[in-house]
């Protein structure tokens, strides 16, 4: 079932945007912390290239994961819940159908 933008109330859109931004912020903060720690241990050029490769892969992963299209949001939120960047409670206020779909997908 695809969920179009028209099927999201203004309240749900606000809840979704807030939850999306919070999850993104958490993941980016964790990434920055990891990169700072990794960068502090650089000794050789190969260490630098390893960090570069990690960052390139991570950028691709993060940019692909955070897709704010209403039809994709249930899947995005399910992945974020599964990965621990978002908690179902932060989505309270979405319709029961949307929450059930997100919860079901997160538990697959």
PDB file of N, CA and C in Angstrom:
ATOM      1  N   UNK A   1       0.847  -1.184   0.000  1.00  0.00           N
ATOM      2  CA  UNK A   1       0.000   0.000   0.000  1.00  0.00           C
ATOM      3  C   UNK A   1       0.890   1.245   0.000  1.00  0.00           C
ATOM      4  N   UNK A   2       0.811   2.025  -1.026  1.00  0.00           N
ATOM      5  CA  UNK A   2       1.529   3.295  -1.092  1.00  0.00           C
ATOM      6  C   UNK A   2       0.702   4.354  -0.380  1.00  0.00           C
ATOM      7  N   UNK A   3       1.351   5.224   0.342  1.00  0.00           N
ATOM      8  CA  UNK A   3       0.672   6.289   1.074  1.00  0.00           C
ATOM      9  C   UNK A   3       1.065   7.612   0.438  1.00  0.00           C
ATOM     10  N   UNK A   4       0.114   8.259  -0.225  1.00  0.00           N
ATOM     11  CA  UNK A   4       0.426   9.520  -0.888  1.00  0.00           C
ATOM     12  C   UNK A   4       0.419  10.665   0.118  1.00  0.00           C
ATOM     13  N   UNK A   5       0.941  11.803  -0.322  1.00  0.00           N
ATOM     14  CA  UNK A   5       0.981  12.987   0.541  1.00  0.00           C
ATOM     15  C   UNK A   5      -0.417  13.389   0.996  1.00  0.00           C
ATOM     16  N   UNK A   6      -1.407  13.204   0.121  1.00  0.00           N
ATOM     17  CA  UNK A   6      -2.780  13.586   0.450  1.00  0.00           C
ATOM     18  C   UNK A   6      -3.345  12.763   1.611  1.00  0.00           C
ATOM     19  N   UNK A   7      -2.758  11.603   1.849  1.00  0.00           N
ATOM     20  CA  UNK A   7      -3.241  10.729   2.918  1.00  0.00           C
ATOM     21  C   UNK A   7      -2.589  11.032   4.265  1.00  0.00           C
ATOM     22  N   UNK A   8      -1.810  12.093   4.335  1.00  0.00           N
ATOM     23  CA  UNK A   8      -1.177  12.520   5.582  1.00  0.00           C
ATOM     24  C   UNK A   8      -1.846  13.814   6.023  1.00  0.00           C
ATOM     25  N   UNK A   9      -2.345  13.829   7.243  1.00  0.00           N
ATOM     26  CA  UNK A   9      -2.930  15.051   7.771  1.00  0.00           C
ATOM     27  C   UNK A   9      -1.811  16.047   8.083  1.00  0.00           C
ATOM     28  N   UNK A  10      -2.173  17.295   8.289  1.00  0.00           N
ATOM     29  CA  UNK A  10      -1.162  18.293   8.646  1.00  0.00           C
ATOM     30  C   UNK A  10      -0.457  17.911   9.943  1.00  0.00           C
ATOM     31  N   UNK A  11      -1.212  17.378  10.898  1.00  0.00           N
ATOM     32  CA  UNK A  11      -0.618  16.943  12.174  1.00  0.00           C
ATOM     33  C   UNK A  11       0.369  15.802  11.933  1.00  0.00           C
ATOM     34  N   UNK A  12      -0.021  14.839  11.109  1.00  0.00           N
ATOM     35  CA  UNK A  12       0.873  13.724  10.812  1.00  0.00           C
ATOM     36  C   UNK A  12       2.133  14.200  10.089  1.00  0.00           C
ATOM     37  N   UNK A  13       1.983  15.163   9.206  1.00  0.00           N
ATOM     38  CA  UNK A  13       3.149  15.701   8.496  1.00  0.00           C
ATOM     39  C   UNK A  13       4.126  16.350   9.473  1.00  0.00           C
ATOM     40  N   UNK A  14       3.594  17.053  10.468  1.00  0.00           N
ATOM     41  CA  UNK A  14       4.447  17.683  11.482  1.00  0.00           C
ATOM     42  C   UNK A  14       5.161  16.624  12.316  1.00  0.00           C
ATOM     43  N   UNK A  15       4.420  15.601  12.739  1.00  0.00           N
ATOM     44  CA  UNK A  15       5.002  14.508  13.527  1.00  0.00           C
ATOM     45  C   UNK A  15       6.080  13.797  12.709  1.00  0.00           C
ATOM     46  N   UNK A  16       5.780  13.529  11.444  1.00  0.00           N
ATOM     47  CA  UNK A  16       6.720  12.823  10.573  1.00  0.00           C
ATOM     48  C   UNK A  16       7.992  13.632  10.377  1.00  0.00           C
ATOM     49  N   UNK A  17       7.858  14.915  10.123  1.00  0.00           N
ATOM     50  CA  UNK A  17       9.038  15.760   9.888  1.00  0.00           C
ATOM     51  C   UNK A  17       9.909  15.827  11.136  1.00  0.00           C
ATOM     52  N   UNK A  18       9.274  15.985  12.293  1.00  0.00           N
ATOM     53  CA  UNK A  18      10.013  16.052  13.551  1.00  0.00           C
ATOM     54  C   UNK A  18      10.761  14.745  13.811  1.00  0.00           C
ATOM     55  N   UNK A  19      10.071  13.618  13.638  1.00  0.00           N
ATOM     56  CA  UNK A  19      10.695  12.313  13.871  1.00  0.00           C
ATOM     57  C   UNK A  19      11.833  12.070  12.883  1.00  0.00           C
ATOM     58  N   UNK A  20      11.608  12.408  11.639  1.00  0.00           N
ATOM     59  CA  UNK A  20      12.615  12.245  10.591  1.00  0.00           C
ATOM     60  C   UNK A  20      13.865  13.045  10.936  1.00  0.00           C
ATOM     61  N   UNK A  21      13.664  14.312  11.296  1.00  0.00           N
ATOM     62  CA  UNK A  21      14.796  15.185  11.632  1.00  0.00           C
ATOM     63  C   UNK A  21      15.536  14.710  12.879  1.00  0.00           C
ATOM     64  N   UNK A  22      14.797  14.205  13.872  1.00  0.00           N
ATOM     65  CA  UNK A  22      15.443  13.706  15.086  1.00  0.00           C
ATOM     66  C   UNK A  22      16.304  12.484  14.781  1.00  0.00           C
ATOM     67  N   UNK A  23      15.763  11.558  13.999  1.00  0.00           N
ATOM     68  CA  UNK A  23      16.529  10.357  13.654  1.00  0.00           C
ATOM     69  C   UNK A  23      17.773  10.724  12.857  1.00  0.00           C
ATOM     70  N   UNK A  24      17.617  11.616  11.903  1.00  0.00           N
ATOM     71  CA  UNK A  24      18.753  12.060  11.088  1.00  0.00           C
ATOM     72  C   UNK A  24      19.812  12.710  11.979  1.00  0.00           C
ATOM     73  N   UNK A  25      19.381  13.558  12.871  1.00  0.00           N
ATOM     74  CA  UNK A  25      20.312  14.217  13.784  1.00  0.00           C
ATOM     75  C   UNK A  25      21.067  13.233  14.652  1.00  0.00           C
ATOM     76  N   UNK A  26      20.373  12.229  15.151  1.00  0.00           N
ATOM     77  CA  UNK A  26      21.025  11.207  15.977  1.00  0.00           C
ATOM     78  C   UNK A  26      22.078  10.446  15.180  1.00  0.00           C
ATOM     79  N   UNK A  27      21.703  10.042  13.985  1.00  0.00           N
ATOM     80  CA  UNK A  27      22.648   9.257  13.191  1.00  0.00           C
ATOM     81  C   UNK A  27      23.859  10.096  12.792  1.00  0.00           C
ATOM     82  N   UNK A  28      23.636  11.334  12.418  1.00  0.00           N
ATOM     83  CA  UNK A  28      24.747  12.198  12.020  1.00  0.00           C
ATOM     84  C   UNK A  28      25.659  12.497  13.215  1.00  0.00           C
ATOM     85  N   UNK A  29      25.073  12.727  14.369  1.00  0.00           N
ATOM     86  CA  UNK A  29      25.889  12.973  15.569  1.00  0.00           C
ATOM     87  C   UNK A  29      26.748  11.757  15.902  1.00  0.00           C
ATOM     88  N   UNK A  30      26.168  10.562  15.786  1.00  0.00           N
ATOM     89  CA  UNK A  30      26.937   9.338  16.036  1.00  0.00           C
ATOM     90  C   UNK A  30      28.048   9.174  14.999  1.00  0.00           C
ATOM     91  N   UNK A  31      27.742   9.509  13.764  1.00  0.00           N
ATOM     92  CA  UNK A  31      28.750   9.426  12.710  1.00  0.00           C
ATOM     93  C   UNK A  31      29.892  10.404  12.968  1.00  0.00           C
ATOM     94  N   UNK A  32      29.562  11.627  13.332  1.00  0.00           N
ATOM     95  CA  UNK A  32      30.598  12.619  13.636  1.00  0.00           C
ATOM     96  C   UNK A  32      31.480  12.164  14.795  1.00  0.00           C
ATOM     97  N   UNK A  33      30.866  11.600  15.806  1.00  0.00           N
ATOM     98  CA  UNK A  33      31.627  11.100  16.955  1.00  0.00           C
ATOM     99  C   UNK A  33      32.585   9.991  16.515  1.00  0.00           C
ATOM    100  N   UNK A  34      32.084   9.082  15.679  1.00  0.00           N
ATOM    101  CA  UNK A  34      32.919   7.984  15.199  1.00  0.00           C
ATOM    102  C   UNK A  34      34.063   8.505  14.326  1.00  0.00           C
ATOM    103  N   UNK A  35      33.769   9.456  13.461  1.00  0.00           N
ATOM    104  CA  UNK A  35      34.803   9.993  12.575  1.00  0.00           C
ATOM    105  C   UNK A  35      35.862  10.744  13.365  1.00  0.00           C
ATOM    106  N   UNK A  36      35.432  11.508  14.365  1.00  0.00           N
ATOM    107  CA  UNK A  36      36.416  12.202  15.210  1.00  0.00           C
ATOM    108  C   UNK A  36      37.348  11.208  15.893  1.00  0.00           C
ATOM    109  N   UNK A  37      36.772  10.122  16.406  1.00  0.00           N
ATOM    110  CA  UNK A  37      37.585   9.100  17.072  1.00  0.00           C
ATOM    111  C   UNK A  37      38.527   8.428  16.077  1.00  0.00           C
ATOM    112  N   UNK A  38      37.995   8.076  14.908  1.00  0.00           N
ATOM    113  CA  UNK A  38      38.828   7.429  13.894  1.00  0.00           C
ATOM    114  C   UNK A  38      39.933   8.359  13.404  1.00  0.00           C
ATOM    115  N   UNK A  39      39.597   9.623  13.199  1.00  0.00           N
ATOM    116  CA  UNK A  39      40.582  10.585  12.696  1.00  0.00           C
ATOM    117  C   UNK A  39      41.709  10.792  13.696  1.00  0.00           C
ATOM    118  N   UNK A  40      41.394  10.685  14.968  1.00  0.00           N
ATOM    119  CA  UNK A  40      42.426  10.904  15.985  1.00  0.00           C
ATOM    120  C   UNK A  40      43.449   9.774  16.030  1.00  0.00           C
ATOM    121  N   UNK A  41      43.146   8.664  15.358  1.00  0.00           N
ATOM    122  CA  UNK A  41      44.073   7.525  15.371  1.00  0.00           C
ATOM    123  C   UNK A  41      44.818   7.359  14.050  1.00  0.00           C
ATOM    124  N   UNK A  42      44.662   8.305  13.134  1.00  0.00           N
ATOM    125  CA  UNK A  42      45.350   8.204  11.846  1.00  0.00           C
ATOM    126  C   UNK A  42      46.865   8.249  12.051  1.00  0.00           C
ATOM    127  N   UNK A  43      47.552   7.299  11.455  1.00  0.00           N
ATOM    128  CA  UNK A  43      49.005   7.239  11.561  1.00  0.00           C
ATOM    129  C   UNK A  43      49.629   7.225  10.171  1.00  0.00           C
ATOM    130  N   UNK A  44      49.078   6.411   9.316  1.00  0.00           N
ATOM    131  CA  UNK A  44      49.647   6.240   7.985  1.00  0.00           C
ATOM    132  C   UNK A  44      48.648   6.685   6.927  1.00  0.00           C
ATOM    133  N   UNK A  45      49.148   6.869   5.725  1.00  0.00           N
ATOM    134  CA  UNK A  45      48.301   7.265   4.611  1.00  0.00           C
ATOM    135  C   UNK A  45      47.194   6.240   4.373  1.00  0.00           C
ATOM    136  N   UNK A  46      47.514   4.979   4.569  1.00  0.00           N
ATOM    137  CA  UNK A  46      46.498   3.936   4.378  1.00  0.00           C
ATOM    138  C   UNK A  46      45.332   4.110   5.358  1.00  0.00           C
ATOM    139  N   UNK A  47      45.613   4.623   6.551  1.00  0.00           N
ATOM    140  CA  UNK A  47      44.546   4.902   7.519  1.00  0.00           C
ATOM    141  C   UNK A  47      43.620   5.996   6.987  1.00  0.00           C
ATOM    142  N   UNK A  48      44.207   6.995   6.376  1.00  0.00           N
ATOM    143  CA  UNK A  48      43.431   8.098   5.803  1.00  0.00           C
ATOM    144  C   UNK A  48      42.533   7.600   4.674  1.00  0.00           C
ATOM    145  N   UNK A  49      43.085   6.758   3.800  1.00  0.00           N
ATOM    146  CA  UNK A  49      42.285   6.235   2.683  1.00  0.00           C
ATOM    147  C   UNK A  49      41.184   5.322   3.197  1.00  0.00           C
ATOM    148  N   UNK A  50      41.429   4.591   4.238  1.00  0.00           N
ATOM    149  CA  UNK A  50      40.408   3.728   4.839  1.00  0.00           C
ATOM    150  C   UNK A  50      39.264   4.587   5.376  1.00  0.00           C
ATOM    151  N   UNK A  51      39.609   5.693   6.028  1.00  0.00           N
ATOM    152  CA  UNK A  51      38.586   6.608   6.531  1.00  0.00           C
ATOM    153  C   UNK A  51      37.808   7.218   5.367  1.00  0.00           C
ATOM    154  N   UNK A  52      38.508   7.583   4.322  1.00  0.00           N
ATOM    155  CA  UNK A  52      37.858   8.124   3.126  1.00  0.00           C
ATOM    156  C   UNK A  52      36.851   7.121   2.548  1.00  0.00           C
ATOM    157  N   UNK A  53      37.268   5.882   2.418  1.00  0.00           N
ATOM    158  CA  UNK A  53      36.389   4.844   1.870  1.00  0.00           C
ATOM    159  C   UNK A  53      35.164   4.646   2.756  1.00  0.00           C
ATOM    160  N   UNK A  54      35.382   4.635   4.073  1.00  0.00           N
ATOM    161  CA  UNK A  54      34.285   4.502   5.020  1.00  0.00           C
ATOM    162  C   UNK A  54      33.292   5.655   4.846  1.00  0.00           C
ATOM    163  N   UNK A  55      33.811   6.880   4.751  1.00  0.00           N
ATOM    164  CA  UNK A  55      32.947   8.045   4.612  1.00  0.00           C
ATOM    165  C   UNK A  55      32.183   8.038   3.290  1.00  0.00           C
ATOM    166  N   UNK A  56      32.829   7.610   2.233  1.00  0.00           N
ATOM    167  CA  UNK A  56      32.155   7.537   0.935  1.00  0.00           C
ATOM    168  C   UNK A  56      30.989   6.549   0.990  1.00  0.00           C
ATOM    169  N   UNK A  57      31.226   5.390   1.569  1.00  0.00           N
ATOM    170  CA  UNK A  57      30.170   4.385   1.691  1.00  0.00           C
ATOM    171  C   UNK A  57      29.057   4.877   2.611  1.00  0.00           C
ATOM    172  N   UNK A  58      29.432   5.496   3.712  1.00  0.00           N
ATOM    173  CA  UNK A  58      28.448   5.987   4.679  1.00  0.00           C
ATOM    174  C   UNK A  58      27.588   7.090   4.057  1.00  0.00           C
ATOM    175  N   UNK A  59      28.209   7.966   3.289  1.00  0.00           N
ATOM    176  CA  UNK A  59      27.445   9.037   2.636  1.00  0.00           C
ATOM    177  C   UNK A  59      26.374   8.448   1.728  1.00  0.00           C
ATOM    178  N   UNK A  60      26.761   7.470   0.934  1.00  0.00           N
ATOM    179  CA  UNK A  60      25.820   6.817   0.030  1.00  0.00           C
ATOM    180  C   UNK A  60      24.680   6.166   0.823  1.00  0.00           C
ATOM    181  N   UNK A  61      25.029   5.502   1.913  1.00  0.00           N
ATOM    182  CA  UNK A  61      24.038   4.827   2.744  1.00  0.00           C
ATOM    183  C   UNK A  61      23.067   5.826   3.374  1.00  0.00           C
ATOM    184  N   UNK A  62      23.594   6.882   3.962  1.00  0.00           N
ATOM    185  CA  UNK A  62      22.746   7.869   4.650  1.00  0.00           C
ATOM    186  C   UNK A  62      21.854   8.604   3.653  1.00  0.00           C
ATOM    187  N   UNK A  63      22.423   9.037   2.538  1.00  0.00           N
ATOM    188  CA  UNK A  63      21.625   9.760   1.552  1.00  0.00           C
ATOM    189  C   UNK A  63      20.522   8.882   0.968  1.00  0.00           C
ATOM    190  N   UNK A  64      20.781   7.595   0.838  1.00  0.00           N
ATOM    191  CA  UNK A  64      19.760   6.680   0.337  1.00  0.00           C
ATOM    192  C   UNK A  64      18.694   6.357   1.359  1.00  0.00           C
ATOM    193  N   UNK A  65      19.058   6.381   2.618  1.00  0.00           N
ATOM    194  CA  UNK A  65      18.143   6.009   3.687  1.00  0.00           C
ATOM    195  C   UNK A  65      17.136   7.106   3.996  1.00  0.00           C
ATOM    196  N   UNK A  66      17.557   8.354   3.997  1.00  0.00           N
ATOM    197  CA  UNK A  66      16.708   9.466   4.422  1.00  0.00           C
ATOM    198  C   UNK A  66      15.984  10.068   3.223  1.00  0.00           C
ATOM    199  N   UNK A  67      14.911   9.402   2.829  1.00  0.00           N
ATOM    200  CA  UNK A  67      14.084   9.790   1.685  1.00  0.00           C
ATOM    201  C   UNK A  67      12.764  10.330   2.218  1.00  0.00           C
ATOM    202  N   UNK A  68      12.582  11.641   2.122  1.00  0.00           N
ATOM    203  CA  UNK A  68      11.362  12.237   2.683  1.00  0.00           C
ATOM    204  C   UNK A  68      10.301  12.403   1.601  1.00  0.00           C
ATOM    205  N   UNK A  69       9.841  11.293   1.098  1.00  0.00           N
ATOM    206  CA  UNK A  69       8.681  11.265   0.214  1.00  0.00           C
ATOM    207  C   UNK A  69       7.602  10.518   0.983  1.00  0.00           C
ATOM    208  N   UNK A  70       6.410  11.067   1.000  1.00  0.00           N
ATOM    209  CA  UNK A  70       5.367  10.487   1.839  1.00  0.00           C
ATOM    210  C   UNK A  70       5.103   9.022   1.530  1.00  0.00           C
ATOM    211  N   UNK A  71       5.174   8.631   0.267  1.00  0.00           N
ATOM    212  CA  UNK A  71       4.956   7.229  -0.086  1.00  0.00           C
ATOM    213  C   UNK A  71       6.032   6.327   0.503  1.00  0.00           C
ATOM    214  N   UNK A  72       7.227   6.867   0.716  1.00  0.00           N
ATOM    215  CA  UNK A  72       8.353   6.074   1.227  1.00  0.00           C
ATOM    216  C   UNK A  72       8.472   6.118   2.745  1.00  0.00           C
ATOM    217  N   UNK A  73       7.861   7.100   3.389  1.00  0.00           N
ATOM    218  CA  UNK A  73       8.083   7.303   4.833  1.00  0.00           C
ATOM    219  C   UNK A  73       7.798   6.081   5.702  1.00  0.00           C
ATOM    220  N   UNK A  74       6.730   5.319   5.480  1.00  0.00           N
ATOM    221  CA  UNK A  74       6.548   4.135   6.343  1.00  0.00           C
ATOM    222  C   UNK A  74       7.748   3.187   6.296  1.00  0.00           C
ATOM    223  N   UNK A  75       8.340   3.029   5.114  1.00  0.00           N
ATOM    224  CA  UNK A  75       9.508   2.159   4.966  1.00  0.00           C
ATOM    225  C   UNK A  75      10.742   2.795   5.596  1.00  0.00           C
ATOM    226  N   UNK A  76      10.895   4.093   5.400  1.00  0.00           N
ATOM    227  CA  UNK A  76      12.019   4.825   5.996  1.00  0.00           C
ATOM    228  C   UNK A  76      11.937   4.730   7.515  1.00  0.00           C
ATOM    229  N   UNK A  77      10.757   5.012   8.067  1.00  0.00           N
ATOM    230  CA  UNK A  77      10.592   4.967   9.521  1.00  0.00           C
ATOM    231  C   UNK A  77      10.816   3.561  10.062  1.00  0.00           C
ATOM    232  N   UNK A  78      10.340   2.555   9.359  1.00  0.00           N
ATOM    233  CA  UNK A  78      10.548   1.174   9.808  1.00  0.00           C
ATOM    234  C   UNK A  78      12.037   0.851   9.878  1.00  0.00           C
ATOM    235  N   UNK A  79      12.780   1.265   8.870  1.00  0.00           N
ATOM    236  CA  UNK A  79      14.229   1.035   8.878  1.00  0.00           C
ATOM    237  C   UNK A  79      14.917   1.773  10.004  1.00  0.00           C
ATOM    238  N   UNK A  80      14.477   3.000  10.251  1.00  0.00           N
ATOM    239  CA  UNK A  80      15.084   3.794  11.318  1.00  0.00           C
ATOM    240  C   UNK A  80      14.775   3.216  12.693  1.00  0.00           C
ATOM    241  N   UNK A  81      13.569   2.687  12.856  1.00  0.00           N
ATOM    242  CA  UNK A  81      13.210   2.021  14.122  1.00  0.00           C
ATOM    243  C   UNK A  81      14.067   0.769  14.279  1.00  0.00           C
ATOM    244  N   UNK A  82      14.160   0.000  13.213  1.00  0.00           N
ATOM    245  CA  UNK A  82      14.941  -1.240  13.249  1.00  0.00           C
ATOM    246  C   UNK A  82      16.403  -0.970  13.584  1.00  0.00           C
ATOM    247  N   UNK A  83      16.941   0.125  13.042  1.00  0.00           N
ATOM    248  CA  UNK A  83      18.339   0.476  13.273  1.00  0.00           C
ATOM    249  C   UNK A  83      18.572   1.209  14.591  1.00  0.00           C
ATOM    250  N   UNK A  84      17.498   1.569  15.289  1.00  0.00           N
ATOM    251  CA  UNK A  84      17.626   2.222  16.589  1.00  0.00           C
ATOM    252  C   UNK A  84      17.758   3.735  16.550  1.00  0.00           C
ATOM    253  N   UNK A  85      17.575   4.350  15.381  1.00  0.00           N
ATOM    254  CA  UNK A  85      17.683   5.808  15.284  1.00  0.00           C
ATOM    255  C   UNK A  85      16.367   6.505  15.611  1.00  0.00           C
ATOM    256  N   UNK A  86      15.290   5.736  15.640  1.00  0.00           N
ATOM    257  CA  UNK A  86      13.958   6.282  15.893  1.00  0.00           C
ATOM    258  C   UNK A  86      13.203   5.309  16.781  1.00  0.00           C
ATOM    259  N   UNK A  87      12.334   5.841  17.614  1.00  0.00           N
ATOM    260  CA  UNK A  87      11.518   5.015  18.507  1.00  0.00           C
ATOM    261  C   UNK A  87      10.063   5.172  18.104  1.00  0.00           C
ATOM    262  N   UNK A  88       9.311   4.074  18.150  1.00  0.00           N
ATOM    263  CA  UNK A  88       7.902   4.124  17.744  1.00  0.00           C
ATOM    264  C   UNK A  88       7.117   5.198  18.491  1.00  0.00           C
ATOM    265  N   UNK A  89       7.465   5.426  19.755  1.00  0.00           N
ATOM    266  CA  UNK A  89       6.758   6.442  20.541  1.00  0.00           C
ATOM    267  C   UNK A  89       6.855   7.821  19.893  1.00  0.00           C
ATOM    268  N   UNK A  90       7.942   8.064  19.168  1.00  0.00           N
ATOM    269  CA  UNK A  90       8.136   9.361  18.528  1.00  0.00           C
ATOM    270  C   UNK A  90       7.212   9.551  17.328  1.00  0.00           C
ATOM    271  N   UNK A  91       6.531   8.490  16.944  1.00  0.00           N
ATOM    272  CA  UNK A  91       5.596   8.555  15.821  1.00  0.00           C
ATOM    273  C   UNK A  91       4.147   8.576  16.295  1.00  0.00           C
ATOM    274  N   UNK A  92       3.945   8.621  17.610  1.00  0.00           N
ATOM    275  CA  UNK A  92       2.585   8.671  18.139  1.00  0.00           C
ATOM    276  C   UNK A  92       1.871   9.889  17.580  1.00  0.00           C
ATOM    277  N   UNK A  93       0.631   9.656  17.157  1.00  0.00           N
ATOM    278  CA  UNK A  93      -0.141  10.705  16.512  1.00  0.00           C
ATOM    279  C   UNK A  93      -0.367  10.399  15.046  1.00  0.00           C
ATOM    280  N   UNK A  94       0.442   9.476  14.499  1.00  0.00           N
ATOM    281  CA  UNK A  94       0.165   9.001  13.146  1.00  0.00           C
ATOM    282  C   UNK A  94      -1.039   8.064  13.224  1.00  0.00           C
ATOM    283  N   UNK A  95      -1.694   7.851  12.105  1.00  0.00           N
ATOM    284  CA  UNK A  95      -2.868   6.968  12.098  1.00  0.00           C
ATOM    285  C   UNK A  95      -2.472   5.568  12.557  1.00  0.00           C
ATOM    286  N   UNK A  96      -3.452   4.848  13.083  1.00  0.00           N
ATOM    287  CA  UNK A  96      -3.195   3.481  13.546  1.00  0.00           C
ATOM    288  C   UNK A  96      -2.696   2.607  12.409  1.00  0.00           C
ATOM    289  N   UNK A  97      -3.224   2.822  11.211  1.00  0.00           N
ATOM    290  CA  UNK A  97      -2.782   2.030  10.056  1.00  0.00           C
ATOM    291  C   UNK A  97      -1.317   2.274   9.739  1.00  0.00           C
ATOM    292  N   UNK A  98      -0.901   3.533   9.758  1.00  0.00           N
ATOM    293  CA  UNK A  98       0.496   3.854   9.469  1.00  0.00           C
ATOM    294  C   UNK A  98       1.414   3.275  10.543  1.00  0.00           C
ATOM    295  N   UNK A  99       1.020   3.429  11.801  1.00  0.00           N
ATOM    296  CA  UNK A  99       1.837   2.896  12.896  1.00  0.00           C
ATOM    297  C   UNK A  99       1.940   1.374  12.823  1.00  0.00           C
ATOM    298  N   UNK A 100       0.832   0.726  12.492  1.00  0.00           N
ATOM    299  CA  UNK A 100       0.836  -0.738  12.382  1.00  0.00           C
ATOM    300  C   UNK A 100       1.758  -1.189  11.256  1.00  0.00           C
ATOM    301  N   UNK A 101       1.714  -0.473  10.128  1.00  0.00           N
ATOM    302  CA  UNK A 101       2.574  -0.825   8.994  1.00  0.00           C
ATOM    303  C   UNK A 101       4.042  -0.633   9.357  1.00  0.00           C
ATOM    304  N   UNK A 102       4.359   0.489   9.987  1.00  0.00           N
ATOM    305  CA  UNK A 102       5.732   0.783  10.382  1.00  0.00           C
ATOM    306  C   UNK A 102       6.236  -0.265  11.366  1.00  0.00           C
ATOM    307  N   UNK A 103       5.415  -0.585  12.352  1.00  0.00           N
ATOM    308  CA  UNK A 103       5.787  -1.573  13.352  1.00  0.00           C
ATOM    309  C   UNK A 103       5.992  -2.950  12.718  1.00  0.00           C
ATOM    310  N   UNK A 104       5.093  -3.316  11.832  1.00  0.00           N
ATOM    311  CA  UNK A 104       5.203  -4.600  11.161  1.00  0.00           C
ATOM    312  C   UNK A 104       6.470  -4.695  10.314  1.00  0.00           C
ATOM    313  N   UNK A 105       6.738  -3.662   9.551  1.00  0.00           N
ATOM    314  CA  UNK A 105       7.952  -3.638   8.722  1.00  0.00           C
ATOM    315  C   UNK A 105       9.222  -3.635   9.581  1.00  0.00           C
ATOM    316  N   UNK A 106       9.194  -2.932  10.692  1.00  0.00           N
ATOM    317  CA  UNK A 106      10.372  -2.849  11.566  1.00  0.00           C
ATOM    318  C   UNK A 106      10.690  -4.194  12.213  1.00  0.00           C
ATOM    319  N   UNK A 107       9.685  -5.032  12.351  1.00  0.00           N
ATOM    320  CA  UNK A 107       9.877  -6.325  13.006  1.00  0.00           C
ATOM    321  C   UNK A 107      10.131  -7.468  12.019  1.00  0.00           C
ATOM    322  N   UNK A 108      10.282  -7.133  10.757  1.00  0.00           N
ATOM    323  CA  UNK A 108      10.545  -8.184   9.753  1.00  0.00           C
ATOM    324  C   UNK A 108      11.982  -8.634   9.842  1.00  0.00           C
TER     325      UNK A 108
END
